[in-house]
Amino acid sequence: MNSLVRRLDLSQEYFFDEGCHIIEISNSDDDAEVSIAQARVEKGQQTKWHRLENTTERYVILQGTGSVEVGDSDPCPISAGDVVIIPQATRQRIRNTGSEDLRFLAICSPRFQKSNYRQGTGIDTL
């Protein structure tokens, strides 16, 4: 892998049907070990239950307050500076409970691939 700088491009944000806005900061074959996306959940909104097969995900909370549910755990409050670790194939969702957008980095290893994404709880049939 060659060194390089990937820059955050706010114009690349898109709405993902999970219920949040995404900017893929780094997600490519030349760095397959990890991907980094910035996610944004609007005030009062919550993502749908989902899980990532064969992928561990970490949320690094950058801005706002919310609650996160991972697996069968009760909702846990989160705020800027917190890190949430989500094991592979574990259901998850995040809610914005604050008065501003909830922004966080979603860091996946290996890198995020849409083919590993599953919507639903993982308990129900998808």
Protein backbone atom coordinates (compact mmCIF):
# COMPACT_ATOMS: atom_id res chain seq x y z
CA MET A 1 0.00 0.00 0.00
CA ASN A 2 1.24 3.46 -0.86
CA SER A 3 0.87 6.34 1.55
CA LEU A 4 -1.59 9.05 0.63
CA VAL A 5 -4.00 11.55 2.12
CA ARG A 6 -7.73 11.07 1.69
CA ARG A 7 -9.70 14.23 2.33
CA LEU A 8 -13.18 14.54 3.75
CA ASP A 9 -15.46 15.76 0.95
CA LEU A 10 -18.78 16.92 2.42
CA SER A 11 -20.33 17.02 -1.06
CA GLN A 12 -20.10 13.20 -1.21
CA GLU A 13 -22.65 12.69 1.58
CA TYR A 14 -25.57 10.42 0.69
CA PHE A 15 -28.60 9.12 2.58
CA PHE A 16 -28.43 5.41 3.37
CA ASP A 17 -31.80 3.66 3.79
CA GLU A 18 -30.69 2.49 7.23
CA GLY A 19 -31.63 5.99 8.39
CA CYS A 20 -28.44 8.02 8.37
CA HIS A 21 -26.27 10.13 6.08
CA ILE A 22 -22.87 8.69 5.08
CA ILE A 23 -19.62 10.00 3.65
CA GLU A 24 -17.15 7.28 2.70
CA ILE A 25 -13.84 8.80 3.75
CA SER A 26 -11.70 5.76 2.98
CA ASN A 27 -13.01 2.50 1.54
CA SER A 28 -11.00 0.91 -1.24
CA ASP A 29 -9.30 -2.28 -2.35
CA ASP A 30 -5.87 -0.73 -1.80
CA ASP A 31 -6.58 -0.54 1.97
CA ALA A 32 -8.76 -3.62 2.50
CA GLU A 33 -7.97 -3.97 6.21
CA VAL A 34 -10.13 -1.02 7.26
CA SER A 35 -12.72 1.49 6.06
CA ILE A 36 -13.69 4.82 7.58
CA ALA A 37 -16.99 6.61 7.03
CA GLN A 38 -18.53 9.62 8.68
CA ALA A 39 -22.16 9.03 9.65
CA ARG A 40 -24.74 11.63 10.58
CA VAL A 41 -28.06 10.94 12.30
CA GLU A 42 -30.47 13.85 12.34
CA LYS A 43 -32.05 15.17 15.53
CA GLY A 44 -34.77 12.82 16.81
CA GLN A 45 -33.91 10.06 14.32
CA GLN A 46 -32.72 6.48 14.81
CA THR A 47 -31.11 3.99 12.46
CA LYS A 48 -32.82 0.71 11.66
CA TRP A 49 -31.62 -2.49 13.28
CA HIS A 50 -28.77 -3.88 11.20
CA ARG A 51 -25.63 -5.98 11.44
CA LEU A 52 -22.42 -6.53 9.49
CA GLU A 53 -21.38 -10.07 8.70
CA ASN A 54 -17.62 -10.78 8.90
CA THR A 55 -16.94 -7.18 9.94
CA THR A 56 -16.15 -5.58 13.30
CA GLU A 57 -17.33 -1.98 13.54
CA ARG A 58 -16.35 0.85 15.85
CA TYR A 59 -18.24 4.10 16.30
CA VAL A 60 -16.14 7.08 17.38
CA ILE A 61 -18.62 9.74 18.49
CA LEU A 62 -17.57 13.17 17.22
CA GLN A 63 -20.57 15.40 17.97
CA GLY A 64 -23.90 15.24 19.72
CA THR A 65 -25.56 12.89 22.16
CA GLY A 66 -27.50 9.72 21.67
CA SER A 67 -28.02 6.14 22.72
CA VAL A 68 -26.75 2.97 21.16
CA GLU A 69 -28.04 -0.59 21.33
CA VAL A 70 -25.64 -3.44 20.58
CA GLY A 71 -26.77 -7.05 20.70
CA ASP A 72 -29.17 -7.67 23.57
CA SER A 73 -27.80 -4.83 25.72
CA ASP A 74 -30.05 -2.07 27.03
CA PRO A 75 -29.71 1.33 25.33
CA CYS A 76 -26.50 3.03 26.45
CA PRO A 77 -26.05 6.83 26.42
CA ILE A 78 -23.23 8.13 24.23
CA SER A 79 -21.60 11.51 23.61
CA ALA A 80 -18.57 13.06 21.93
CA GLY A 81 -15.37 11.16 22.69
CA ASP A 82 -17.04 7.79 23.30
CA VAL A 83 -16.10 4.68 21.32
CA VAL A 84 -18.62 1.89 20.72
CA ILE A 85 -17.24 -1.52 19.67
CA ILE A 86 -19.62 -3.74 17.72
CA PRO A 87 -18.53 -7.36 17.15
CA GLN A 88 -19.18 -8.90 13.74
CA ALA A 89 -22.72 -10.16 13.05
CA THR A 90 -24.10 -8.31 16.11
CA ARG A 91 -27.29 -6.31 15.73
CA GLN A 92 -27.02 -2.59 16.36
CA ARG A 93 -28.82 0.72 16.09
CA ILE A 94 -28.11 4.26 17.20
CA ARG A 95 -30.48 7.09 18.15
CA ASN A 96 -29.89 10.82 18.25
CA THR A 97 -31.30 12.09 21.56
CA GLY A 98 -29.73 15.54 21.38
CA SER A 99 -30.56 18.92 19.91
CA GLU A 100 -28.01 18.78 17.07
CA ASP A 101 -26.89 16.23 14.50
CA LEU A 102 -25.17 13.15 15.92
CA ARG A 103 -21.91 12.64 13.99
CA PHE A 104 -19.56 9.72 14.32
CA LEU A 105 -16.89 7.80 12.47
CA ALA A 106 -17.76 4.22 11.55
CA ILE A 107 -14.49 2.31 11.36
CA CYS A 108 -14.82 -1.22 9.96
CA SER A 109 -12.34 -4.07 9.77
CA PRO A 110 -12.05 -5.57 7.37
CA ARG A 111 -13.39 -2.72 5.26
CA PHE A 112 -17.13 -2.23 4.83
CA GLN A 113 -18.67 -4.07 1.91
CA LYS A 114 -22.35 -3.73 1.10
CA SER A 115 -22.55 -7.53 0.62
CA ASN A 116 -21.89 -7.94 4.39
CA TYR A 117 -24.71 -5.57 5.40
CA ARG A 118 -27.92 -7.10 6.76
CA GLN A 119 -30.92 -5.04 7.78
CA GLY A 120 -32.99 -6.38 10.68
CA THR A 121 -32.27 -7.64 14.16
CA GLY A 122 -30.51 -10.84 13.26
CA ILE A 123 -33.10 -12.60 15.40
CA ASP A 124 -35.85 -12.24 12.82
CA THR A 125 -35.56 -13.56 9.31
CA LEU A 126 -34.24 -10.84 7.04
